[in-house]
PDB file of all heavy atoms in Angstrom:
ATOM      1  N   PHE A   1       0.826  -1.204   0.000  1.00  0.00           N
ATOM      2  CA  PHE A   1       0.000   0.000   0.000  1.00  0.00           C
ATOM      3  C   PHE A   1       0.863   1.258   0.000  1.00  0.00           C
ATOM      4  O   PHE A   1       0.555   2.228  -0.685  1.00  0.00           O
ATOM      5  CB  PHE A   1      -0.940  -0.009   1.207  1.00  0.00           C
ATOM      6  CG  PHE A   1      -1.973   1.067   1.156  1.00  0.00           C
ATOM      7  CD1 PHE A   1      -3.065   0.953   0.331  1.00  0.00           C
ATOM      8  CD2 PHE A   1      -1.835   2.203   1.921  1.00  0.00           C
ATOM      9  CE1 PHE A   1      -4.012   1.959   0.274  1.00  0.00           C
ATOM     10  CE2 PHE A   1      -2.770   3.214   1.872  1.00  0.00           C
ATOM     11  CZ  PHE A   1      -3.872   3.080   1.041  1.00  0.00           C
ATOM     12  N   ILE A   2       1.961   1.243   0.730  1.00  0.00           N
ATOM     13  CA  ILE A   2       2.868   2.397   0.752  1.00  0.00           C
ATOM     14  C   ILE A   2       3.499   2.595  -0.621  1.00  0.00           C
ATOM     15  O   ILE A   2       3.616   3.729  -1.110  1.00  0.00           O
ATOM     16  CB  ILE A   2       3.939   2.222   1.846  1.00  0.00           C
ATOM     17  CG1 ILE A   2       3.281   2.342   3.221  1.00  0.00           C
ATOM     18  CG2 ILE A   2       5.059   3.246   1.697  1.00  0.00           C
ATOM     19  CD1 ILE A   2       4.184   1.964   4.364  1.00  0.00           C
ATOM     20  N   ALA A   3       3.902   1.499  -1.266  1.00  0.00           N
ATOM     21  CA  ALA A   3       4.482   1.602  -2.609  1.00  0.00           C
ATOM     22  C   ALA A   3       3.455   2.141  -3.602  1.00  0.00           C
ATOM     23  O   ALA A   3       3.781   2.962  -4.468  1.00  0.00           O
ATOM     24  CB  ALA A   3       4.995   0.245  -3.067  1.00  0.00           C
ATOM     25  N   LEU A   4       2.197   1.702  -3.484  1.00  0.00           N
ATOM     26  CA  LEU A   4       1.137   2.218  -4.352  1.00  0.00           C
ATOM     27  C   LEU A   4       0.909   3.706  -4.119  1.00  0.00           C
ATOM     28  O   LEU A   4       0.686   4.460  -5.069  1.00  0.00           O
ATOM     29  CB  LEU A   4      -0.177   1.460  -4.114  1.00  0.00           C
ATOM     30  CG  LEU A   4      -0.297   0.080  -4.706  1.00  0.00           C
ATOM     31  CD1 LEU A   4      -1.596  -0.575  -4.249  1.00  0.00           C
ATOM     32  CD2 LEU A   4      -0.248   0.135  -6.209  1.00  0.00           C
ATOM     33  N   ASP A   5       0.958   4.120  -2.874  1.00  0.00           N
ATOM     34  CA  ASP A   5       0.742   5.537  -2.562  1.00  0.00           C
ATOM     35  C   ASP A   5       1.877   6.392  -3.119  1.00  0.00           C
ATOM     36  O   ASP A   5       1.633   7.469  -3.668  1.00  0.00           O
ATOM     37  CB  ASP A   5       0.618   5.722  -1.057  1.00  0.00           C
ATOM     38  CG  ASP A   5       0.057   7.073  -0.699  1.00  0.00           C
ATOM     39  OD1 ASP A   5      -0.888   7.523  -1.384  1.00  0.00           O
ATOM     40  OD2 ASP A   5       0.560   7.694   0.257  1.00  0.00           O
ATOM     41  N   ASP A   6       3.116   5.910  -3.012  1.00  0.00           N
ATOM     42  CA  ASP A   6       4.240   6.641  -3.587  1.00  0.00           C
ATOM     43  C   ASP A   6       4.113   6.742  -5.104  1.00  0.00           C
ATOM     44  O   ASP A   6       4.371   7.793  -5.696  1.00  0.00           O
ATOM     45  CB  ASP A   6       5.559   5.969  -3.224  1.00  0.00           C
ATOM     46  CG  ASP A   6       5.873   6.061  -1.739  1.00  0.00           C
ATOM     47  OD1 ASP A   6       5.271   6.916  -1.059  1.00  0.00           O
ATOM     48  OD2 ASP A   6       6.711   5.259  -1.273  1.00  0.00           O
ATOM     49  N   PHE A   7       3.704   5.649  -5.734  1.00  0.00           N
ATOM     50  CA  PHE A   7       3.497   5.655  -7.187  1.00  0.00           C
ATOM     51  C   PHE A   7       2.402   6.631  -7.571  1.00  0.00           C
ATOM     52  O   PHE A   7       2.535   7.388  -8.533  1.00  0.00           O
ATOM     53  CB  PHE A   7       3.141   4.251  -7.674  1.00  0.00           C
ATOM     54  CG  PHE A   7       2.742   4.208  -9.113  1.00  0.00           C
ATOM     55  CD1 PHE A   7       3.688   4.318 -10.115  1.00  0.00           C
ATOM     56  CD2 PHE A   7       1.403   4.081  -9.466  1.00  0.00           C
ATOM     57  CE1 PHE A   7       3.316   4.295 -11.452  1.00  0.00           C
ATOM     58  CE2 PHE A   7       1.028   4.051 -10.796  1.00  0.00           C
ATOM     59  CZ  PHE A   7       1.978   4.162 -11.786  1.00  0.00           C
ATOM     60  N   ARG A   8       1.304   6.655  -6.802  1.00  0.00           N
ATOM     61  CA  ARG A   8       0.195   7.555  -7.102  1.00  0.00           C
ATOM     62  C   ARG A   8       0.632   9.013  -6.998  1.00  0.00           C
ATOM     63  O   ARG A   8       0.263   9.842  -7.822  1.00  0.00           O
ATOM     64  CB  ARG A   8      -0.966   7.285  -6.141  1.00  0.00           C
ATOM     65  CG  ARG A   8      -2.197   8.134  -6.415  1.00  0.00           C
ATOM     66  CD  ARG A   8      -3.189   8.034  -5.289  1.00  0.00           C
ATOM     67  NE  ARG A   8      -2.646   8.440  -4.017  1.00  0.00           N
ATOM     68  CZ  ARG A   8      -2.590   9.703  -3.588  1.00  0.00           C
ATOM     69  NH1 ARG A   8      -3.064  10.664  -4.331  1.00  0.00           N
ATOM     70  NH2 ARG A   8      -2.093   9.992  -2.407  1.00  0.00           N
ATOM     71  N   LYS A   9       1.458   9.333  -6.006  1.00  0.00           N
ATOM     72  CA  LYS A   9       1.947  10.708  -5.850  1.00  0.00           C
ATOM     73  C   LYS A   9       2.803  11.121  -7.051  1.00  0.00           C
ATOM     74  O   LYS A   9       2.663  12.232  -7.570  1.00  0.00           O
ATOM     75  CB  LYS A   9       2.753  10.840  -4.563  1.00  0.00           C
ATOM     76  CG  LYS A   9       1.902  10.796  -3.321  1.00  0.00           C
ATOM     77  CD  LYS A   9       2.764  10.853  -2.083  1.00  0.00           C
ATOM     78  CE  LYS A   9       1.936  10.680  -0.829  1.00  0.00           C
ATOM     79  NZ  LYS A   9       2.770  10.640   0.380  1.00  0.00           N
ATOM     80  N   GLN A  10       3.685  10.225  -7.495  1.00  0.00           N
ATOM     81  CA  GLN A  10       4.524  10.529  -8.652  1.00  0.00           C
ATOM     82  C   GLN A  10       3.684  10.641  -9.921  1.00  0.00           C
ATOM     83  O   GLN A  10       3.939  11.494 -10.766  1.00  0.00           O
ATOM     84  CB  GLN A  10       5.594   9.460  -8.823  1.00  0.00           C
ATOM     85  CG  GLN A  10       6.638   9.493  -7.750  1.00  0.00           C
ATOM     86  CD  GLN A  10       7.669   8.387  -7.925  1.00  0.00           C
ATOM     87  OE1 GLN A  10       7.532   7.525  -8.771  1.00  0.00           O
ATOM     88  NE2 GLN A  10       8.695   8.427  -7.101  1.00  0.00           N
ATOM     89  N   LEU A  11       2.673   9.783 -10.053  1.00  0.00           N
ATOM     90  CA  LEU A  11       1.800   9.828 -11.223  1.00  0.00           C
ATOM     91  C   LEU A  11       1.006  11.130 -11.262  1.00  0.00           C
ATOM     92  O   LEU A  11       0.877  11.757 -12.320  1.00  0.00           O
ATOM     93  CB  LEU A  11       0.852   8.630 -11.233  1.00  0.00           C
ATOM     94  CG  LEU A  11      -0.100   8.519 -12.413  1.00  0.00           C
ATOM     95  CD1 LEU A  11       0.687   8.273 -13.704  1.00  0.00           C
ATOM     96  CD2 LEU A  11      -1.098   7.410 -12.193  1.00  0.00           C
ATOM     97  N   ASN A  12       0.482  11.563 -10.121  1.00  0.00           N
ATOM     98  CA  ASN A  12      -0.261  12.820 -10.083  1.00  0.00           C
ATOM     99  C   ASN A  12       0.634  14.014 -10.396  1.00  0.00           C
ATOM    100  O   ASN A  12       0.208  14.947 -11.070  1.00  0.00           O
ATOM    101  CB  ASN A  12      -0.942  12.998  -8.727  1.00  0.00           C
ATOM    102  CG  ASN A  12      -2.167  12.141  -8.595  1.00  0.00           C
ATOM    103  OD1 ASN A  12      -2.710  11.653  -9.580  1.00  0.00           O
ATOM    104  ND2 ASN A  12      -2.606  11.928  -7.374  1.00  0.00           N
ATOM    105  N   ALA A  13       1.877  13.992  -9.924  1.00  0.00           N
ATOM    106  CA  ALA A  13       2.810  15.081 -10.243  1.00  0.00           C
ATOM    107  C   ALA A  13       3.090  15.110 -11.737  1.00  0.00           C
ATOM    108  O   ALA A  13       3.145  16.185 -12.352  1.00  0.00           O
ATOM    109  CB  ALA A  13       4.105  14.901  -9.456  1.00  0.00           C
ATOM    110  N   TRP A  14       3.251  13.944 -12.337  1.00  0.00           N
ATOM    111  CA  TRP A  14       3.496  13.875 -13.781  1.00  0.00           C
ATOM    112  C   TRP A  14       2.269  14.348 -14.568  1.00  0.00           C
ATOM    113  O   TRP A  14       2.386  15.075 -15.540  1.00  0.00           O
ATOM    114  CB  TRP A  14       3.859  12.454 -14.187  1.00  0.00           C
ATOM    115  CG  TRP A  14       4.074  12.292 -15.647  1.00  0.00           C
ATOM    116  CD1 TRP A  14       5.153  12.686 -16.366  1.00  0.00           C
ATOM    117  CD2 TRP A  14       3.166  11.705 -16.580  1.00  0.00           C
ATOM    118  NE1 TRP A  14       4.989  12.373 -17.691  1.00  0.00           N
ATOM    119  CE2 TRP A  14       3.763  11.759 -17.847  1.00  0.00           C
ATOM    120  CE3 TRP A  14       1.906  11.124 -16.462  1.00  0.00           C
ATOM    121  CZ2 TRP A  14       3.142  11.274 -18.981  1.00  0.00           C
ATOM    122  CZ3 TRP A  14       1.302  10.631 -17.595  1.00  0.00           C
ATOM    123  CH2 TRP A  14       1.931  10.716 -18.842  1.00  0.00           C
ATOM    124  N   LYS A  15       1.068  13.948 -14.105  1.00  0.00           N
ATOM    125  CA  LYS A  15      -0.157  14.375 -14.790  1.00  0.00           C
ATOM    126  C   LYS A  15      -0.350  15.882 -14.703  1.00  0.00           C
ATOM    127  O   LYS A  15      -0.823  16.504 -15.649  1.00  0.00           O
ATOM    128  CB  LYS A  15      -1.369  13.650 -14.197  1.00  0.00           C
ATOM    129  CG  LYS A  15      -1.465  12.200 -14.643  1.00  0.00           C
ATOM    130  CD  LYS A  15      -2.441  11.410 -13.822  1.00  0.00           C
ATOM    131  CE  LYS A  15      -3.858  11.571 -14.222  1.00  0.00           C
ATOM    132  NZ  LYS A  15      -4.779  10.689 -13.467  1.00  0.00           N
ATOM    133  N   GLN A  16       0.023  16.484 -13.563  1.00  0.00           N
ATOM    134  CA  GLN A  16      -0.112  17.929 -13.420  1.00  0.00           C
ATOM    135  C   GLN A  16       0.908  18.683 -14.265  1.00  0.00           C
ATOM    136  O   GLN A  16       0.674  19.826 -14.636  1.00  0.00           O
ATOM    137  CB  GLN A  16       0.021  18.330 -11.956  1.00  0.00           C
ATOM    138  CG  GLN A  16      -1.177  17.938 -11.139  1.00  0.00           C
ATOM    139  CD  GLN A  16      -1.013  18.309  -9.680  1.00  0.00           C
ATOM    140  OE1 GLN A  16       0.045  18.762  -9.251  1.00  0.00           O
ATOM    141  NE2 GLN A  16      -2.071  18.096  -8.902  1.00  0.00           N
ATOM    142  N   SER A  17       2.016  18.039 -14.588  1.00  0.00           N
ATOM    143  CA  SER A  17       3.011  18.699 -15.424  1.00  0.00           C
ATOM    144  C   SER A  17       2.614  18.704 -16.899  1.00  0.00           C
ATOM    145  O   SER A  17       3.217  19.398 -17.696  1.00  0.00           O
ATOM    146  CB  SER A  17       4.374  18.027 -15.261  1.00  0.00           C
ATOM    147  OG  SER A  17       4.370  16.741 -15.856  1.00  0.00           O
ATOM    148  N   GLN A  18       1.601  17.922 -17.266  1.00  0.00           N
ATOM    149  CA  GLN A  18       1.137  17.853 -18.651  1.00  0.00           C
ATOM    150  C   GLN A  18      -0.378  18.068 -18.708  1.00  0.00           C
ATOM    151  O   GLN A  18      -1.140  17.150 -19.004  1.00  0.00           O
ATOM    152  CB  GLN A  18       1.494  16.488 -19.240  1.00  0.00           C
ATOM    153  CG  GLN A  18       2.974  16.228 -19.205  1.00  0.00           C
ATOM    154  CD  GLN A  18       3.326  14.922 -19.869  1.00  0.00           C
ATOM    155  OE1 GLN A  18       2.481  14.234 -20.415  1.00  0.00           O
ATOM    156  NE2 GLN A  18       4.593  14.588 -19.843  1.00  0.00           N
ATOM    157  N   PRO A  19      -0.842  19.284 -18.425  1.00  0.00           N
ATOM    158  CA  PRO A  19      -2.286  19.527 -18.348  1.00  0.00           C
ATOM    159  C   PRO A  19      -3.015  19.370 -19.683  1.00  0.00           C
ATOM    160  O   PRO A  19      -4.217  19.086 -19.699  1.00  0.00           O
ATOM    161  CB  PRO A  19      -2.390  20.964 -17.834  1.00  0.00           C
ATOM    162  CG  PRO A  19      -1.095  21.583 -18.185  1.00  0.00           C
ATOM    163  CD  PRO A  19      -0.073  20.483 -18.163  1.00  0.00           C
ATOM    164  N   GLU A  20      -2.316  19.535 -20.802  1.00  0.00           N
ATOM    165  CA  GLU A  20      -2.991  19.403 -22.099  1.00  0.00           C
ATOM    166  C   GLU A  20      -3.375  17.953 -22.394  1.00  0.00           C
ATOM    167  O   GLU A  20      -4.320  17.696 -23.136  1.00  0.00           O
ATOM    168  CB  GLU A  20      -2.120  19.973 -23.225  1.00  0.00           C
ATOM    169  CG  GLU A  20      -0.828  19.203 -23.507  1.00  0.00           C
ATOM    170  CD  GLU A  20       0.316  19.554 -22.576  1.00  0.00           C
ATOM    171  OE1 GLU A  20       0.204  20.496 -21.786  1.00  0.00           O
ATOM    172  OE2 GLU A  20       1.339  18.861 -22.674  1.00  0.00           O
ATOM    173  N   ARG A  21      -2.672  17.005 -21.806  1.00  0.00           N
ATOM    174  CA  ARG A  21      -2.985  15.594 -22.037  1.00  0.00           C
ATOM    175  C   ARG A  21      -4.069  15.085 -21.103  1.00  0.00           C
ATOM    176  O   ARG A  21      -4.754  14.108 -21.408  1.00  0.00           O
ATOM    177  CB  ARG A  21      -1.731  14.745 -21.856  1.00  0.00           C
ATOM    178  CG  ARG A  21      -0.694  15.022 -22.926  1.00  0.00           C
ATOM    179  CD  ARG A  21       0.513  14.175 -22.743  1.00  0.00           C
ATOM    180  NE  ARG A  21       0.211  12.795 -23.122  1.00  0.00           N
ATOM    181  CZ  ARG A  21       1.076  11.811 -23.000  1.00  0.00           C
ATOM    182  NH1 ARG A  21       2.262  12.033 -22.501  1.00  0.00           N
ATOM    183  NH2 ARG A  21       0.752  10.599 -23.374  1.00  0.00           N
ATOM    184  N   PHE A  22      -4.213  15.719 -19.935  1.00  0.00           N
ATOM    185  CA  PHE A  22      -5.164  15.269 -18.928  1.00  0.00           C
ATOM    186  C   PHE A  22      -6.019  16.454 -18.475  1.00  0.00           C
ATOM    187  O   PHE A  22      -5.758  17.053 -17.432  1.00  0.00           O
ATOM    188  CB  PHE A  22      -4.432  14.661 -17.728  1.00  0.00           C
ATOM    189  CG  PHE A  22      -3.547  13.509 -18.102  1.00  0.00           C
ATOM    190  CD1 PHE A  22      -2.180  13.698 -18.256  1.00  0.00           C
ATOM    191  CD2 PHE A  22      -4.075  12.262 -18.312  1.00  0.00           C
ATOM    192  CE1 PHE A  22      -1.357  12.644 -18.594  1.00  0.00           C
ATOM    193  CE2 PHE A  22      -3.264  11.198 -18.656  1.00  0.00           C
ATOM    194  CZ  PHE A  22      -1.905  11.385 -18.796  1.00  0.00           C
ATOM    195  N   PRO A  23      -7.063  16.795 -19.236  1.00  0.00           N
ATOM    196  CA  PRO A  23      -7.890  17.949 -18.845  1.00  0.00           C
ATOM    197  C   PRO A  23      -8.672  17.657 -17.562  1.00  0.00           C
ATOM    198  O   PRO A  23      -9.026  16.510 -17.279  1.00  0.00           O
ATOM    199  CB  PRO A  23      -8.824  18.125 -20.036  1.00  0.00           C
ATOM    200  CG  PRO A  23      -8.874  16.793 -20.689  1.00  0.00           C
ATOM    201  CD  PRO A  23      -7.542  16.159 -20.449  1.00  0.00           C
ATOM    202  N   VAL A  24      -8.926  18.707 -16.791  1.00  0.00           N
ATOM    203  CA  VAL A  24      -9.684  18.578 -15.553  1.00  0.00           C
ATOM    204  C   VAL A  24     -11.164  18.514 -15.890  1.00  0.00           C
ATOM    205  O   VAL A  24     -11.679  19.349 -16.629  1.00  0.00           O
ATOM    206  CB  VAL A  24      -9.390  19.772 -14.614  1.00  0.00           C
ATOM    207  CG1 VAL A  24     -10.231  19.676 -13.358  1.00  0.00           C
ATOM    208  CG2 VAL A  24      -7.917  19.833 -14.290  1.00  0.00           C
ATOM    209  N   ARG A  25     -11.823  17.526 -15.349  1.00  0.00           N
ATOM    210  CA  ARG A  25     -13.269  17.358 -15.567  1.00  0.00           C
ATOM    211  C   ARG A  25     -13.958  17.360 -14.206  1.00  0.00           C
ATOM    212  O   ARG A  25     -14.139  16.309 -13.591  1.00  0.00           O
ATOM    213  CB  ARG A  25     -13.530  16.048 -16.297  1.00  0.00           C
ATOM    214  CG  ARG A  25     -12.919  16.048 -17.667  1.00  0.00           C
ATOM    215  CD  ARG A  25     -13.205  14.740 -18.363  1.00  0.00           C
ATOM    216  NE  ARG A  25     -12.620  14.780 -19.687  1.00  0.00           N
ATOM    217  CZ  ARG A  25     -11.977  13.769 -20.233  1.00  0.00           C
ATOM    218  NH1 ARG A  25     -11.842  12.633 -19.590  1.00  0.00           N
ATOM    219  NH2 ARG A  25     -11.479  13.882 -21.439  1.00  0.00           N
ATOM    220  N   PRO A  26     -14.367  18.533 -13.720  1.00  0.00           N
ATOM    221  CA  PRO A  26     -14.922  18.604 -12.366  1.00  0.00           C
ATOM    222  C   PRO A  26     -16.263  17.900 -12.214  1.00  0.00           C
ATOM    223  O   PRO A  26     -16.664  17.579 -11.105  1.00  0.00           O
ATOM    224  CB  PRO A  26     -15.058  20.114 -12.122  1.00  0.00           C
ATOM    225  CG  PRO A  26     -15.105  20.724 -13.470  1.00  0.00           C
ATOM    226  CD  PRO A  26     -14.298  19.832 -14.371  1.00  0.00           C
ATOM    227  N   TRP A  27     -16.971  17.633 -13.296  1.00  0.00           N
ATOM    228  CA  TRP A  27     -18.266  16.978 -13.194  1.00  0.00           C
ATOM    229  C   TRP A  27     -18.126  15.470 -13.019  1.00  0.00           C
ATOM    230  O   TRP A  27     -19.085  14.792 -12.688  1.00  0.00           O
ATOM    231  CB  TRP A  27     -19.123  17.286 -14.428  1.00  0.00           C
ATOM    232  CG  TRP A  27     -18.504  16.788 -15.700  1.00  0.00           C
ATOM    233  CD1 TRP A  27     -18.648  15.561 -16.252  1.00  0.00           C
ATOM    234  CD2 TRP A  27     -17.639  17.500 -16.574  1.00  0.00           C
ATOM    235  NE1 TRP A  27     -17.933  15.454 -17.399  1.00  0.00           N
ATOM    236  CE2 TRP A  27     -17.291  16.634 -17.634  1.00  0.00           C
ATOM    237  CE3 TRP A  27     -17.111  18.777 -16.582  1.00  0.00           C
ATOM    238  CZ2 TRP A  27     -16.454  17.020 -18.669  1.00  0.00           C
ATOM    239  CZ3 TRP A  27     -16.280  19.149 -17.616  1.00  0.00           C
ATOM    240  CH2 TRP A  27     -15.959  18.283 -18.642  1.00  0.00           C
ATOM    241  N   GLU A  28     -16.947  14.912 -13.234  1.00  0.00           N
ATOM    242  CA  GLU A  28     -16.720  13.485 -13.078  1.00  0.00           C
ATOM    243  C   GLU A  28     -16.070  13.214 -11.727  1.00  0.00           C
ATOM    244  O   GLU A  28     -14.867  13.199 -11.593  1.00  0.00           O
ATOM    245  CB  GLU A  28     -15.835  12.950 -14.209  1.00  0.00           C
ATOM    246  CG  GLU A  28     -16.483  13.021 -15.565  1.00  0.00           C
ATOM    247  CD  GLU A  28     -15.562  12.492 -16.652  1.00  0.00           C
ATOM    248  OE1 GLU A  28     -14.429  12.078 -16.350  1.00  0.00           O
ATOM    249  OE2 GLU A  28     -15.989  12.512 -17.801  1.00  0.00           O
ATOM    250  N   LYS A  29     -16.871  12.991 -10.708  1.00  0.00           N
ATOM    251  CA  LYS A  29     -16.364  12.688  -9.373  1.00  0.00           C
ATOM    252  C   LYS A  29     -16.437  11.180  -9.157  1.00  0.00           C
ATOM    253  O   LYS A  29     -17.520  10.603  -9.128  1.00  0.00           O
ATOM    254  CB  LYS A  29     -17.197  13.393  -8.302  1.00  0.00           C
ATOM    255  CG  LYS A  29     -17.182  14.891  -8.396  1.00  0.00           C
ATOM    256  CD  LYS A  29     -15.977  15.434  -7.727  1.00  0.00           C
ATOM    257  CE  LYS A  29     -16.044  16.954  -7.776  1.00  0.00           C
ATOM    258  NZ  LYS A  29     -14.924  17.578  -7.199  1.00  0.00           N
ATOM    259  N   PRO A  30     -15.304  10.504  -9.011  1.00  0.00           N
ATOM    260  CA  PRO A  30     -15.339   9.055  -8.795  1.00  0.00           C
ATOM    261  C   PRO A  30     -15.861   8.717  -7.401  1.00  0.00           C
ATOM    262  O   PRO A  30     -15.727   9.505  -6.450  1.00  0.00           O
ATOM    263  CB  PRO A  30     -13.887   8.632  -8.950  1.00  0.00           C
ATOM    264  CG  PRO A  30     -13.103   9.856  -8.657  1.00  0.00           C
ATOM    265  CD  PRO A  30     -13.952  11.015  -9.089  1.00  0.00           C
TER     266      PRO A  30
END
């Protein structure tokens, strides 16, 4: 679980560095 959490943090940082590839969709709440 700790390894997954570290991976998720790195993935979110990478996704935020490329906003054109991952647009924010506020109406889609999982």
